[in-house]
Amino acid sequence: MKLKALSCYDGDKDTRFGDCLLIYDNSSLIVYDCGHTRHAAYVESFLRNKPTIISIYIVVSHNDSDHTNGVCELLEWLSMHNYSVKVYTHQYLKHADTIIDKVDDGRRNRDSLKRALLAEFDNIKKIIEKAQELNYSTVEALKGTTVGSCVVVGPTVDEFTDVASKAVDNRENNMIEDETVMNAASVQIKFILDDGKSILLCGDASPNYLKDLATYDIIQLPHHGQENDAKAIFEKLGGNAYSKDYFISDNTGSGKTSGGSDDIVKYMKRERYNPPYSTKDKIVNLPECSVAIHSSSQGRVPLGDLGSV
């Protein structure tokens, strides 16, 4: 598989375009998040240039708008062009009984809990409704679920129901390890690149929910390279951290509370970690071209280059 991680447009460093990561081979495309309508338009152009791709899988990692804002528009376009599509994300209502037991505040019944979940996870609700309207399959992104050539590796049911219960329980602190509960249980996927390297994509997930980190060659630093999250991952890896490669989907225009990778890139350079692949300025393509070197320009091409890899 190949990875194409989208970036900003027209030199615009103020707009929060969010994440959109394309995982593909000659016949299939997995879209891991689509945080802006500009990303959706790019995916449409990409598919026009890849006529052999017929199967589309869309993974929505979590509810945040900078991961979801382009999904419904993309679904509409895919329907108009008769693509086979499946949508994968958390389906909280299926676990309402477990969540209500975890809330256990004596005030909620099943119906009121459902209303609270739909309000809290409103973007996912809209995406599932749009997919159903277009007669696309919606699949729960449980650990172990196969998504084309990718596999969901987290979170567990227990973890994401914990998150959901905290999200709807106003008695609870809305944070897990400096991440909002909305972010913490992002859907994580792994796959093998064409060069044989394994890679973990994890949205805005809390580092506490990331398992078996030592088994990956390339690890996404979550929440757009948020510094504390990245440092927590380095700490979990211990001495192995220096042998790993890292990827950042930089959320252009965001502040420290929403990621933004400048601080962690400086820290990694100072501490002599491998320099990360980053979408801050350019699209990231993996595997790298065989003539590329591991440098600040590695694996990146201008935004208009749809024909590469």
Protein backbone atom coordinates (compact mmCIF):
# COMPACT_ATOMS: atom_id res chain seq x y z
CA MET A 1 0.00 0.00 0.00
CA LYS A 2 0.96 3.62 -0.50
CA LEU A 3 0.21 6.60 1.75
CA LYS A 4 -0.57 10.11 0.52
CA ALA A 5 -1.13 12.56 3.38
CA LEU A 6 -2.72 15.83 2.28
CA SER A 7 -1.59 19.29 3.31
CA CYS A 8 -2.62 22.94 2.98
CA TYR A 9 -3.73 24.68 -0.25
CA ASP A 10 -2.54 27.74 -2.13
CA GLY A 11 -0.01 28.57 0.56
CA ASP A 12 -2.83 29.14 3.09
CA LYS A 13 -1.26 28.67 6.53
CA ASP A 14 -4.21 30.09 8.49
CA THR A 15 -7.09 27.77 7.61
CA ARG A 16 -7.41 24.60 9.67
CA PHE A 17 -7.63 22.01 6.90
CA GLY A 18 -7.26 19.12 9.33
CA ASP A 19 -6.44 15.54 8.39
CA CYS A 20 -6.96 13.56 5.20
CA LEU A 21 -4.79 10.49 4.63
CA LEU A 22 -5.11 8.34 1.50
CA ILE A 23 -4.01 4.69 1.62
CA TYR A 24 -4.20 3.00 -1.74
CA ASP A 25 -3.14 0.41 -4.28
CA ASN A 26 -4.24 -0.16 -7.88
CA SER A 27 -7.80 -1.18 -7.02
CA SER A 28 -8.75 0.30 -3.65
CA LEU A 29 -8.57 3.51 -1.63
CA ILE A 30 -8.90 3.97 2.11
CA VAL A 31 -9.64 7.55 3.16
CA TYR A 32 -8.64 8.00 6.79
CA ASP A 33 -10.50 11.17 7.81
CA CYS A 34 -11.42 14.11 5.58
CA GLY A 35 -11.30 17.33 7.56
CA HIS A 36 -12.15 19.90 4.89
CA THR A 37 -14.09 20.22 1.64
CA ARG A 38 -10.81 21.11 -0.11
CA HIS A 39 -9.56 17.67 0.87
CA ALA A 40 -12.73 16.12 -0.53
CA ALA A 41 -12.15 17.91 -3.84
CA TYR A 42 -8.57 16.64 -3.90
CA VAL A 43 -9.73 13.04 -3.36
CA GLU A 44 -12.18 13.45 -6.24
CA SER A 45 -9.37 14.65 -8.54
CA PHE A 46 -7.13 11.86 -7.30
CA LEU A 47 -9.75 9.25 -8.23
CA ARG A 48 -10.24 10.74 -11.69
CA ASN A 49 -6.55 10.05 -12.24
CA LYS A 50 -6.78 6.51 -10.84
CA PRO A 51 -9.51 4.83 -12.93
CA THR A 52 -8.56 1.32 -11.75
CA ILE A 53 -9.61 2.14 -8.17
CA ILE A 54 -13.17 0.91 -7.68
CA SER A 55 -13.49 0.14 -3.95
CA ILE A 56 -13.52 2.97 -1.40
CA TYR A 57 -13.30 2.62 2.37
CA ILE A 58 -13.78 5.70 4.55
CA VAL A 59 -12.55 5.62 8.14
CA VAL A 60 -13.72 8.38 10.48
CA SER A 61 -11.34 8.38 13.43
CA HIS A 62 -13.44 10.56 15.74
CA ASN A 63 -16.00 13.35 15.86
CA ASP A 64 -13.85 16.49 15.59
CA SER A 65 -14.71 18.75 12.65
CA ASP A 66 -11.11 18.94 11.44
CA HIS A 67 -11.38 15.20 10.75
CA THR A 68 -14.95 15.09 9.43
CA ASN A 69 -15.93 18.30 7.60
CA GLY A 70 -15.28 16.96 4.09
CA VAL A 71 -16.73 13.47 4.49
CA CYS A 72 -20.37 14.07 3.52
CA GLU A 73 -19.41 16.02 0.39
CA LEU A 74 -17.05 13.21 -0.60
CA LEU A 75 -19.78 10.61 -0.05
CA GLU A 76 -22.13 12.54 -2.33
CA TRP A 77 -19.54 12.66 -5.11
CA LEU A 78 -18.69 8.95 -4.75
CA SER A 79 -22.38 8.09 -5.02
CA MET A 80 -22.78 10.19 -8.18
CA HIS A 81 -19.88 8.27 -9.74
CA ASN A 82 -21.06 4.82 -8.68
CA TYR A 83 -18.20 3.79 -6.41
CA SER A 84 -18.50 0.90 -3.99
CA VAL A 85 -18.15 2.48 -0.53
CA LYS A 86 -18.05 1.34 3.09
CA VAL A 87 -17.84 3.73 6.05
CA TYR A 88 -16.08 2.70 9.26
CA THR A 89 -16.36 4.55 12.56
CA HIS A 90 -17.50 4.19 16.18
CA GLN A 91 -21.17 3.34 16.56
CA TYR A 92 -21.93 4.40 20.10
CA LEU A 93 -25.66 3.64 20.11
CA LYS A 94 -24.92 -0.07 19.76
CA HIS A 95 -23.33 0.10 23.20
CA ALA A 96 -25.91 2.26 24.95
CA ASP A 97 -26.54 -0.29 27.71
CA THR A 98 -22.83 -0.51 28.57
CA ILE A 99 -22.45 3.27 28.47
CA ILE A 100 -25.47 3.91 30.69
CA ASP A 101 -24.07 1.44 33.25
CA LYS A 102 -20.79 3.35 33.25
CA VAL A 103 -22.52 6.71 33.68
CA ASP A 104 -24.72 5.31 36.47
CA ASP A 105 -25.95 8.68 37.69
CA GLY A 106 -29.50 7.55 38.40
CA ARG A 107 -30.90 10.27 36.14
CA ARG A 108 -30.62 8.90 32.63
CA ASN A 109 -32.70 6.28 30.90
CA ARG A 110 -31.80 4.65 27.60
CA ASP A 111 -33.68 7.22 25.49
CA SER A 112 -32.12 10.24 27.18
CA LEU A 113 -28.68 8.65 26.88
CA LYS A 114 -29.19 8.11 23.15
CA ARG A 115 -30.14 11.75 22.72
CA ALA A 116 -27.05 12.83 24.64
CA LEU A 117 -24.79 10.57 22.54
CA LEU A 118 -26.25 11.84 19.27
CA ALA A 119 -25.75 15.42 20.39
CA GLU A 120 -22.18 14.81 21.59
CA PHE A 121 -21.10 12.87 18.50
CA ASP A 122 -23.05 14.98 16.04
CA ASN A 123 -20.60 14.86 13.14
CA ILE A 124 -20.42 11.08 13.21
CA LYS A 125 -24.24 11.03 13.32
CA LYS A 126 -24.42 13.16 10.16
CA ILE A 127 -21.90 10.97 8.34
CA ILE A 128 -23.70 7.73 9.23
CA GLU A 129 -27.03 9.23 8.18
CA LYS A 130 -25.56 10.42 4.87
CA ALA A 131 -24.03 7.00 4.20
CA GLN A 132 -27.33 5.29 4.92
CA GLU A 133 -29.19 7.77 2.71
CA LEU A 134 -26.83 6.80 -0.14
CA ASN A 135 -27.24 3.07 0.60
CA TYR A 136 -23.64 2.65 1.69
CA SER A 137 -22.66 0.13 4.33
CA THR A 138 -21.66 1.47 7.75
CA VAL A 139 -19.34 -0.77 9.76
CA GLU A 140 -18.39 -0.45 13.40
CA ALA A 141 -14.65 0.15 13.69
CA LEU A 142 -13.95 -2.37 16.42
CA LYS A 143 -10.45 -3.59 17.23
CA GLY A 144 -9.60 -6.40 14.80
CA THR A 145 -11.88 -5.14 12.02
CA THR A 146 -10.35 -5.40 8.55
CA VAL A 147 -10.62 -2.28 6.38
CA GLY A 148 -9.38 -3.24 2.94
CA SER A 149 -5.68 -3.89 3.49
CA CYS A 150 -5.70 -2.17 6.89
CA VAL A 151 -6.62 -3.49 10.33
CA VAL A 152 -8.21 -1.54 13.20
CA VAL A 153 -5.93 -1.94 16.23
CA GLY A 154 -7.70 0.30 18.72
CA PRO A 155 -9.38 1.41 20.79
CA THR A 156 -11.02 -1.50 22.57
CA VAL A 157 -14.76 -1.52 23.20
CA ASP A 158 -14.08 -0.87 26.87
CA GLU A 159 -11.92 2.16 26.03
CA PHE A 160 -14.34 3.85 23.66
CA THR A 161 -17.35 3.19 25.90
CA ASP A 162 -15.35 4.78 28.74
CA VAL A 163 -14.85 7.79 26.50
CA ALA A 164 -18.52 7.96 25.57
CA SER A 165 -19.62 7.75 29.19
CA LYS A 166 -17.27 10.60 30.16
CA ALA A 167 -18.49 12.67 27.20
CA VAL A 168 -22.13 12.55 28.29
CA ASP A 169 -21.56 12.64 32.06
CA ASN A 170 -21.29 16.27 33.15
CA ARG A 171 -19.97 15.15 36.54
CA GLU A 172 -16.79 13.90 34.84
CA ASN A 173 -13.69 15.81 33.81
CA ASN A 174 -13.77 16.05 30.01
CA MET A 175 -10.05 15.21 29.64
CA ILE A 176 -7.95 12.06 29.38
CA GLU A 177 -4.17 12.63 29.59
CA ASP A 178 -4.46 16.24 28.36
CA GLU A 179 -6.70 15.14 25.47
CA THR A 180 -10.44 15.72 25.30
CA VAL A 181 -12.45 12.54 25.59
CA MET A 182 -13.59 13.17 22.02
CA ASN A 183 -10.01 12.74 20.83
CA ALA A 184 -8.75 10.07 23.17
CA ALA A 185 -10.44 7.04 21.61
CA SER A 186 -9.74 7.85 17.95
CA VAL A 187 -9.91 4.82 15.65
CA GLN A 188 -6.37 3.52 15.05
CA ILE A 189 -5.35 1.53 11.97
CA LYS A 190 -2.20 -0.26 10.86
CA PHE A 191 -1.02 -1.43 7.45
CA ILE A 192 2.09 -2.39 5.50
CA LEU A 193 3.60 -0.01 2.96
CA ASP A 194 4.93 -1.24 -0.37
CA ASP A 195 8.47 -1.16 1.00
CA GLY A 196 7.49 -3.57 3.79
CA LYS A 197 7.41 -1.00 6.59
CA SER A 198 4.54 -1.11 9.08
CA ILE A 199 2.78 2.13 9.98
CA LEU A 200 0.31 3.17 12.68
CA LEU A 201 -2.23 5.94 12.07
CA CYS A 202 -4.02 7.18 15.17
CA GLY A 203 -5.87 10.48 14.63
CA ASP A 204 -5.92 12.45 17.88
CA ALA A 205 -5.69 9.38 20.14
CA SER A 206 -4.41 9.57 23.68
CA PRO A 207 -0.95 7.93 23.94
CA ASN A 208 -2.33 5.81 26.77
CA TYR A 209 -4.58 4.08 24.23
CA LEU A 210 -1.73 3.27 21.82
CA LYS A 211 -0.46 -0.28 22.25
CA ASP A 212 2.46 -2.33 20.90
CA LEU A 213 4.27 0.78 19.66
CA ALA A 214 7.58 -1.06 19.39
CA THR A 215 6.15 -3.27 16.61
CA TYR A 216 5.77 -0.38 14.12
CA ASP A 217 8.39 1.11 11.83
CA ILE A 218 6.52 4.42 11.41
CA ILE A 219 4.25 5.96 14.04
CA GLN A 220 1.89 8.89 13.60
CA LEU A 221 2.41 11.45 16.34
CA PRO A 222 -1.22 12.10 17.33
CA HIS A 223 -3.18 15.34 17.41
CA HIS A 224 -1.19 16.99 14.63
CA GLY A 225 2.10 16.62 16.47
CA GLN A 226 0.92 17.89 19.84
CA GLU A 227 4.13 18.09 21.89
CA ASN A 228 3.04 16.41 25.12
CA ASP A 229 1.47 13.50 23.23
CA ALA A 230 4.64 12.98 21.21
CA LYS A 231 6.85 13.05 24.28
CA ALA A 232 4.59 10.49 25.96
CA ILE A 233 5.07 8.19 22.96
CA PHE A 234 8.86 8.61 23.09
CA GLU A 235 8.75 7.76 26.78
CA LYS A 236 6.69 4.63 26.16
CA LEU A 237 9.16 3.50 23.49
CA GLY A 238 12.21 4.11 25.66
CA GLY A 239 15.45 3.38 23.82
CA ASN A 240 13.48 2.17 20.79
CA ALA A 241 12.26 5.71 20.15
CA TYR A 242 15.47 6.66 18.33
CA SER A 243 15.15 3.86 15.76
CA LYS A 244 11.58 4.71 14.75
CA ASP A 245 10.33 6.99 11.99
CA TYR A 246 7.48 9.39 12.73
CA PHE A 247 4.71 11.03 10.75
CA ILE A 248 2.82 14.25 11.55
CA SER A 249 -0.41 15.38 9.91
CA ASP A 250 -0.02 19.02 10.83
CA ASN A 251 -3.26 20.93 11.31
CA THR A 252 -2.37 24.20 9.62
CA GLY A 253 -3.64 27.23 11.51
CA SER A 254 -4.11 25.48 14.84
CA GLY A 255 -2.67 26.61 18.15
CA LYS A 256 -0.97 24.63 20.90
CA THR A 257 -4.24 23.26 22.24
CA SER A 258 -5.10 21.74 18.86
CA GLY A 259 -1.73 20.41 17.80
CA GLY A 260 0.59 22.19 15.42
CA SER A 261 3.99 20.62 15.01
CA ASP A 262 6.61 23.39 15.20
CA ASP A 263 7.48 22.82 18.86
CA ILE A 264 7.82 19.05 18.61
CA VAL A 265 9.87 19.24 15.40
CA LYS A 266 12.35 21.55 17.16
CA TYR A 267 12.41 19.22 20.17
CA MET A 268 13.03 16.14 18.00
CA LYS A 269 15.90 17.86 16.22
CA ARG A 270 17.45 18.90 19.53
CA GLU A 271 17.09 15.40 21.00
CA ARG A 272 18.33 13.72 17.80
CA TYR A 273 15.21 11.72 16.96
CA ASN A 274 14.66 10.94 13.29
CA PRO A 275 13.14 14.03 11.61
CA PRO A 276 9.42 13.42 11.07
CA TYR A 277 7.56 13.24 7.79
CA SER A 278 5.25 16.27 8.06
CA THR A 279 2.39 17.74 6.04
CA LYS A 280 3.03 21.25 7.35
CA ASP A 281 4.15 22.52 3.94
CA LYS A 282 3.73 19.69 1.44
CA ILE A 283 1.95 16.43 0.77
CA VAL A 284 3.71 13.40 2.24
CA ASN A 285 4.06 10.34 0.02
CA LEU A 286 5.18 7.01 1.47
CA PRO A 287 7.11 4.94 0.63
CA GLU A 288 9.64 7.55 -0.28
CA CYS A 289 11.01 7.76 -3.81
CA SER A 290 14.15 5.63 -4.00
CA VAL A 291 16.26 8.70 -4.80
CA ALA A 292 14.99 10.69 -1.81
CA ILE A 293 16.99 11.11 1.37
CA HIS A 294 15.74 11.39 4.94
CA SER A 295 15.65 15.18 5.14
CA SER A 296 13.27 18.10 5.48
CA SER A 297 11.95 17.47 1.96
CA GLN A 298 11.54 13.72 2.29
CA GLY A 299 8.60 12.00 0.70
CA ARG A 300 6.84 15.22 -0.27
CA VAL A 301 5.52 16.55 -3.55
CA PRO A 302 3.73 19.77 -4.52
CA LEU A 303 -0.01 19.78 -3.95
CA GLY A 304 -0.81 19.74 -7.65
CA ASP A 305 1.08 16.51 -8.33
CA LEU A 306 -1.66 13.91 -8.63
CA GLY A 307 0.21 11.56 -10.90
CA SER A 308 3.09 10.62 -8.61
CA VAL A 309 3.25 7.23 -6.94
